[in-house]
Amino acid sequence: MMIADLHCDLLCYLQRDPKRTPHDRAVRCSIPQLREGGVKVQTMAIFSETTPGSSENGWAQAEIFRQLSLKYSDDFFLLRKSEDIDAIPLGKIGIIPAIESMSALCGEKDDLEAMLERVDLLLKKIGKILYVSLTWNTENRFGGGALTNVGLKEDGKRVLSYLDERGIAIDLSHTSDRLAYDILNEIDRQGLKIQVLASHSNMRTIANFPRNLPDEISREIIRREGVIGLNFIRYLLGKESPSNFAKHVEHLLFIGGAKHMCFGADFFYHGDFSLGKSVDELFFSDYDNASTYNKMIDLVKKELALPKEILQDFSYNNFRNLFCKRS
């Protein structure tokens, strides 16, 4: 099946060492692995932790992304507008950027308005950014990350207004629960039309971890016509068996997510982000890179006996529908 994926960390991998290339299999989402996995569309995260110099890292990654479809024109096709998703040339992979933590574009001491103007210039060059998350795992000037209990801050509210004006979605994958609820309430309070999604999160009911979504937030994403990208991270699936992936799919279907689930595998180079865990704790060995999407589909099909239509929606169509709404 054709695959569309909501999240990978290829850009961060390339930014950390100029000798690296998108053909390096160590990153788990390399060009050969994407091709082997049948990936038609790949979202690429611009990411930095909230540290001094975070925006320098993020803007370097933005330039790397801008150059990808030029330097690797035989492989990548830049998705600048909604209709491009149905015009991807045969043999190419459609790519679109996203922002994983606003710290990647605006550090704690940067001028926010100046940085948002800089984002406007970036949009003129690349056309679209699919989504923005305000935080990663820790707290920043915009709000609280997934491992905190901090809510939405004033700078976060300003970014929400900006996203609304530019038609960019807000990502809840790395929010604290409090921040997620604050974002949803702020959207309603201001009457914003921001698309809400979770780019790479699983179901907390199945694997009880703060990075996974509680059902109430999952249901809100579904109610607001967003999508949830299920990821391949072992401890977020439940480390006993890769069959747990099917349990997350089953639960998402149970709460009404048939038209709202996607892949958000979150493949990255473990040498850059160990997260205090071994390689075996990060990925199941048979599902540890972008060549394995259809293998995971086969596992889900075996465990749940789902009809082909649901699997096709999960693999590609739900992402496409979301992308086409982001004009």
Protein backbone atom coordinates (compact mmCIF):
# COMPACT_ATOMS: atom_id res chain seq x y z
CA MET A 1 0.00 0.00 0.00
CA MET A 2 1.03 3.64 -0.49
CA ILE A 3 2.22 5.18 2.76
CA ALA A 4 1.98 8.72 4.11
CA ASP A 5 3.76 9.49 7.37
CA LEU A 6 3.30 12.44 9.73
CA HIS A 7 6.71 12.55 11.43
CA CYS A 8 10.40 11.69 11.04
CA ASP A 9 13.69 13.24 12.22
CA LEU A 10 15.78 13.18 9.04
CA LEU A 11 16.42 16.95 9.11
CA CYS A 12 17.87 16.94 12.60
CA TYR A 13 20.11 14.02 11.64
CA LEU A 14 21.46 15.91 8.62
CA GLN A 15 21.94 19.17 10.52
CA ARG A 16 24.16 17.60 13.19
CA ASP A 17 26.91 16.53 10.79
CA PRO A 18 27.49 17.93 7.26
CA LYS A 19 29.02 14.59 6.18
CA ARG A 20 25.69 12.85 6.64
CA THR A 21 23.33 12.29 3.70
CA PRO A 22 19.68 11.23 3.35
CA HIS A 23 20.93 7.91 1.97
CA ASP A 24 22.34 6.89 5.38
CA ARG A 25 20.38 3.94 6.72
CA ALA A 26 21.40 4.78 10.28
CA VAL A 27 18.67 7.44 10.41
CA ARG A 28 15.98 4.77 9.84
CA CYS A 29 14.09 7.05 7.42
CA SER A 30 16.69 7.26 4.64
CA ILE A 31 15.79 7.50 0.97
CA PRO A 32 16.35 3.76 0.32
CA GLN A 33 14.29 2.80 3.37
CA LEU A 34 11.46 5.17 2.42
CA ARG A 35 11.41 3.65 -1.06
CA GLU A 36 11.47 0.08 0.27
CA GLY A 37 8.55 0.94 2.57
CA GLY A 38 6.37 2.32 -0.21
CA VAL A 39 6.36 5.83 1.28
CA LYS A 40 4.65 8.31 -1.04
CA VAL A 41 4.57 11.28 1.35
CA GLN A 42 6.89 12.00 4.28
CA THR A 43 6.50 14.85 6.76
CA MET A 44 9.88 16.06 8.02
CA ALA A 45 10.17 17.67 11.44
CA ILE A 46 12.29 20.73 12.12
CA PHE A 47 13.28 20.10 15.73
CA SER A 48 15.34 21.45 18.57
CA GLU A 49 15.17 21.06 22.30
CA THR A 50 14.72 24.22 24.36
CA THR A 51 18.38 25.12 24.83
CA PRO A 52 20.57 28.16 24.06
CA GLY A 53 20.92 28.30 20.29
CA SER A 54 17.77 26.27 19.65
CA SER A 55 16.57 28.58 16.88
CA GLU A 56 19.94 28.41 15.14
CA ASN A 57 19.54 24.65 14.93
CA GLY A 58 15.98 24.95 13.70
CA TRP A 59 16.67 27.50 11.00
CA ALA A 60 19.63 25.42 9.77
CA GLN A 61 17.24 22.50 9.40
CA ALA A 62 14.76 24.70 7.54
CA GLU A 63 17.47 25.49 4.99
CA ILE A 64 18.39 21.81 4.72
CA PHE A 65 14.75 21.02 3.99
CA ARG A 66 14.58 23.76 1.35
CA GLN A 67 17.59 22.25 -0.41
CA LEU A 68 16.44 18.61 -0.31
CA SER A 69 14.18 18.72 -3.37
CA LEU A 70 16.94 20.58 -5.25
CA LYS A 71 19.93 18.43 -4.31
CA TYR A 72 17.96 15.17 -4.44
CA SER A 73 15.53 16.00 -7.22
CA ASP A 74 15.41 12.38 -8.39
CA ASP A 75 14.03 11.36 -5.01
CA PHE A 76 12.09 14.21 -3.40
CA PHE A 77 9.20 16.39 -4.59
CA LEU A 78 8.31 19.48 -2.55
CA LEU A 79 4.61 19.72 -1.69
CA ARG A 80 4.00 23.46 -1.88
CA LYS A 81 0.20 23.48 -2.15
CA SER A 82 -2.70 21.11 -1.53
CA GLU A 83 -3.15 19.93 -5.11
CA ASP A 84 0.52 18.85 -5.29
CA ILE A 85 -0.24 15.70 -3.30
CA ASP A 86 -2.04 14.25 -6.33
CA ALA A 87 0.72 15.39 -8.69
CA ILE A 88 3.75 13.67 -7.14
CA PRO A 89 5.81 12.35 -10.06
CA LEU A 90 6.15 8.61 -10.36
CA GLY A 91 9.14 7.38 -8.41
CA LYS A 92 9.42 10.44 -6.16
CA ILE A 93 8.58 10.99 -2.50
CA GLY A 94 6.49 14.02 -1.63
CA ILE A 95 7.92 15.98 1.31
CA ILE A 96 6.53 18.70 3.56
CA PRO A 97 8.02 20.27 6.70
CA ALA A 98 6.58 20.55 10.19
CA ILE A 99 7.81 22.16 13.40
CA GLU A 100 8.46 19.99 16.45
CA SER A 101 8.64 22.61 19.23
CA MET A 102 8.48 26.32 18.49
CA SER A 103 11.86 26.55 20.24
CA ALA A 104 13.29 25.41 16.91
CA LEU A 105 12.18 28.69 15.34
CA CYS A 106 12.16 31.04 18.31
CA GLY A 107 14.46 30.64 21.30
CA GLU A 108 13.69 31.79 24.81
CA LYS A 109 15.37 35.18 24.26
CA ASP A 110 14.51 35.74 20.59
CA ASP A 111 12.06 38.41 19.49
CA LEU A 112 8.85 36.50 18.71
CA GLU A 113 7.42 38.94 16.16
CA ALA A 114 10.71 39.07 14.27
CA MET A 115 10.85 35.29 14.15
CA LEU A 116 7.26 35.01 12.91
CA GLU A 117 8.15 37.44 10.12
CA ARG A 118 11.03 35.13 9.30
CA VAL A 119 8.59 32.20 9.13
CA ASP A 120 6.57 34.19 6.59
CA LEU A 121 9.67 34.48 4.43
CA LEU A 122 10.22 30.75 4.75
CA LEU A 123 6.64 30.07 3.65
CA LYS A 124 7.24 32.12 0.51
CA LYS A 125 10.11 29.79 -0.35
CA ILE A 126 8.59 26.40 0.51
CA GLY A 127 4.84 27.01 0.33
CA LYS A 128 3.53 25.09 3.33
CA ILE A 129 4.26 23.97 6.86
CA LEU A 130 1.92 21.15 7.82
CA TYR A 131 1.83 21.62 11.59
CA VAL A 132 3.54 23.24 14.57
CA SER A 133 3.92 21.92 18.11
CA LEU A 134 4.53 24.55 20.78
CA THR A 135 6.70 22.33 22.97
CA TRP A 136 8.70 19.12 23.20
CA ASN A 137 9.07 17.28 26.51
CA THR A 138 10.03 20.24 28.72
CA GLU A 139 8.68 23.72 29.40
CA ASN A 140 9.42 26.71 27.17
CA ARG A 141 8.12 30.24 26.63
CA PHE A 142 5.05 28.90 24.83
CA GLY A 143 3.82 26.29 27.32
CA GLY A 144 4.46 22.96 28.98
CA GLY A 145 5.87 19.89 27.26
CA ALA A 146 4.74 16.30 27.60
CA LEU A 147 6.68 15.62 30.79
CA THR A 148 5.36 18.71 32.63
CA ASN A 149 2.07 19.95 34.04
CA VAL A 150 2.39 23.48 32.63
CA GLY A 151 -0.31 25.05 30.48
CA LEU A 152 -0.51 27.65 27.70
CA LYS A 153 1.48 30.89 28.04
CA GLU A 154 0.92 34.27 26.40
CA ASP A 155 3.51 33.65 23.67
CA GLY A 156 1.74 30.37 22.94
CA LYS A 157 -1.52 32.26 22.45
CA ARG A 158 0.22 34.59 19.99
CA VAL A 159 1.50 31.60 18.02
CA LEU A 160 -2.01 30.11 17.88
CA SER A 161 -3.29 33.34 16.33
CA TYR A 162 -0.45 33.22 13.81
CA LEU A 163 -1.22 29.60 12.88
CA ASP A 164 -4.87 30.47 12.42
CA GLU A 165 -3.97 33.30 10.05
CA ARG A 166 -1.64 31.06 8.01
CA GLY A 167 -3.75 27.86 7.90
CA ILE A 168 -1.16 25.80 9.80
CA ALA A 169 -2.29 22.97 12.09
CA ILE A 170 -1.43 22.69 15.79
CA ASP A 171 0.17 19.45 16.98
CA LEU A 172 -0.67 18.04 20.44
CA SER A 173 1.84 15.16 20.43
CA HIS A 174 4.32 16.81 22.80
CA THR A 175 1.99 18.85 24.99
CA SER A 176 1.26 18.32 28.64
CA ASP A 177 -2.38 17.37 29.18
CA ARG A 178 -2.93 20.81 30.65
CA LEU A 179 -1.42 22.52 27.60
CA ALA A 180 -3.56 20.40 25.26
CA TYR A 181 -6.75 21.39 27.07
CA ASP A 182 -5.64 25.04 27.20
CA ILE A 183 -4.99 25.02 23.44
CA LEU A 184 -8.41 23.54 22.71
CA ASN A 185 -10.10 26.05 25.02
CA GLU A 186 -8.18 28.97 23.49
CA ILE A 187 -9.16 27.88 19.99
CA ASP A 188 -12.81 27.86 21.06
CA ARG A 189 -12.56 31.10 23.06
CA GLN A 190 -11.09 33.01 20.11
CA GLY A 191 -13.18 31.23 17.49
CA LEU A 192 -10.04 30.10 15.66
CA LYS A 193 -10.23 27.69 12.74
CA ILE A 194 -6.98 25.86 13.50
CA GLN A 195 -6.80 22.19 12.53
CA VAL A 196 -5.84 20.05 15.53
CA LEU A 197 -3.81 16.85 15.22
CA ALA A 198 -1.34 14.61 17.04
CA SER A 199 1.51 13.80 14.70
CA HIS A 200 3.16 10.91 16.55
CA SER A 201 1.31 9.68 19.62
CA ASN A 202 -0.28 6.42 20.72
CA MET A 203 -3.15 5.60 23.08
CA ARG A 204 -2.57 6.05 26.81
CA THR A 205 -5.32 3.52 27.54
CA ILE A 206 -3.10 0.85 25.94
CA ALA A 207 0.32 2.09 27.11
CA ASN A 208 0.21 4.39 30.14
CA PHE A 209 2.89 6.96 29.34
CA PRO A 210 2.60 10.79 29.40
CA ARG A 211 3.56 11.08 25.71
CA ASN A 212 0.51 9.03 24.75
CA LEU A 213 -2.94 10.58 24.38
CA PRO A 214 -5.72 10.19 26.94
CA ASP A 215 -9.04 9.26 25.37
CA GLU A 216 -10.62 12.66 26.02
CA ILE A 217 -7.97 14.43 23.94
CA SER A 218 -8.08 11.75 21.23
CA ARG A 219 -11.85 12.16 20.98
CA GLU A 220 -11.46 15.94 20.69
CA ILE A 221 -9.01 15.54 17.80
CA ILE A 222 -11.48 13.21 16.10
CA ARG A 223 -14.42 15.56 16.78
CA ARG A 224 -12.45 18.42 15.24
CA GLU A 225 -11.72 16.37 12.11
CA GLY A 226 -8.00 15.99 12.83
CA VAL A 227 -5.74 12.97 12.64
CA ILE A 228 -3.60 10.95 15.04
CA GLY A 229 -0.31 9.51 13.80
CA LEU A 230 0.51 6.23 15.55
CA ASN A 231 4.21 5.75 16.14
CA PHE A 232 6.60 2.80 16.27
CA ILE A 233 8.44 3.70 19.50
CA ARG A 234 8.57 0.56 21.58
CA TYR A 235 7.93 2.00 25.05
CA LEU A 236 5.01 4.04 23.67
CA LEU A 237 3.50 0.92 22.11
CA GLY A 238 4.03 -1.30 25.15
CA LYS A 239 7.35 -3.06 25.13
CA GLU A 240 6.10 -6.64 25.33
CA SER A 241 5.33 -7.20 21.63
CA PRO A 242 4.98 -5.35 18.32
CA SER A 243 1.44 -6.76 18.26
CA ASN A 244 0.63 -3.94 20.67
CA PHE A 245 0.55 -1.67 17.63
CA ALA A 246 -2.65 -3.45 16.61
CA LYS A 247 -4.10 -2.78 20.06
CA HIS A 248 -3.58 0.95 19.59
CA VAL A 249 -5.26 0.76 16.17
CA GLU A 250 -8.13 -1.24 17.64
CA HIS A 251 -8.68 1.26 20.43
CA LEU A 252 -8.56 4.21 18.05
CA LEU A 253 -11.18 2.47 15.92
CA PHE A 254 -13.28 1.85 19.05
CA ILE A 255 -13.41 5.57 19.86
CA GLY A 256 -14.38 6.50 16.30
CA GLY A 257 -11.02 7.08 14.65
CA ALA A 258 -11.32 5.07 11.42
CA LYS A 259 -11.05 8.24 9.31
CA HIS A 260 -8.62 9.92 11.67
CA MET A 261 -5.66 7.56 12.09
CA CYS A 262 -2.37 7.71 10.19
CA PHE A 263 1.23 6.68 10.53
CA GLY A 264 3.53 8.94 12.54
CA ALA A 265 6.35 6.45 13.00
CA ASP A 266 8.94 8.88 14.43
CA PHE A 267 12.04 7.22 13.01
CA PHE A 268 15.31 8.79 14.13
CA TYR A 269 18.98 8.00 14.65
CA HIS A 270 19.34 6.59 18.17
CA GLY A 271 22.88 7.96 18.47
CA ASP A 272 21.44 11.49 18.46
CA PHE A 273 18.49 10.85 20.79
CA SER A 274 18.94 7.90 23.10
CA LEU A 275 16.37 9.32 25.55
CA GLY A 276 18.17 7.27 28.17
CA LYS A 277 17.12 4.04 26.49
CA SER A 278 18.90 1.30 24.56
CA VAL A 279 18.20 0.66 20.88
CA ASP A 280 16.16 -2.41 21.83
CA GLU A 281 13.98 -0.24 24.07
CA LEU A 282 13.40 2.32 21.31
CA PHE A 283 12.25 0.05 18.47
CA PHE A 284 11.25 -3.55 17.88
CA SER A 285 13.96 -5.07 15.71
CA ASP A 286 11.62 -6.07 12.89
CA TYR A 287 9.91 -2.66 12.80
CA ASP A 288 12.77 -0.25 13.28
CA ASN A 289 12.92 1.70 10.01
CA ALA A 290 10.82 3.09 7.18
CA SER A 291 11.05 -0.08 5.09
CA THR A 292 8.66 -1.84 7.51
CA TYR A 293 5.36 0.05 7.12
CA ASN A 294 3.70 -2.61 5.00
CA LYS A 295 5.01 -5.28 7.35
CA MET A 296 3.22 -3.45 10.16
CA ILE A 297 0.07 -3.26 8.04
CA ASP A 298 0.26 -7.03 7.59
CA LEU A 299 0.55 -7.44 11.37
CA VAL A 300 -2.51 -5.24 11.95
CA LYS A 301 -4.44 -7.09 9.27
CA LYS A 302 -3.58 -10.42 10.87
CA GLU A 303 -4.45 -9.30 14.41
CA LEU A 304 -7.67 -7.43 13.61
CA ALA A 305 -8.89 -8.78 10.26
CA LEU A 306 -9.64 -5.26 9.05
CA PRO A 307 -11.12 -4.61 5.61
CA LYS A 308 -8.84 -3.25 2.92
CA GLU A 309 -10.66 0.11 2.87
CA ILE A 310 -9.80 0.86 6.52
CA LEU A 311 -6.17 -0.15 5.96
CA GLN A 312 -5.92 2.08 2.90
CA ASP A 313 -7.42 5.00 4.80
CA PHE A 314 -4.96 4.43 7.63
CA SER A 315 -1.97 4.07 5.33
CA TYR A 316 -2.59 7.03 3.05
CA ASN A 317 -6.09 8.41 2.50
CA ASN A 318 -6.63 9.97 5.92
CA PHE A 319 -3.35 11.88 5.59
CA ARG A 320 -4.29 12.98 2.08
CA ASN A 321 -7.66 14.26 3.25
CA LEU A 322 -5.99 16.26 6.03
CA PHE A 323 -3.38 17.68 3.65
CA CYS A 324 -5.98 18.79 1.14
CA LYS A 325 -7.87 20.67 3.86
CA ARG A 326 -4.74 22.71 4.67
CA SER A 327 -5.04 25.18 1.80
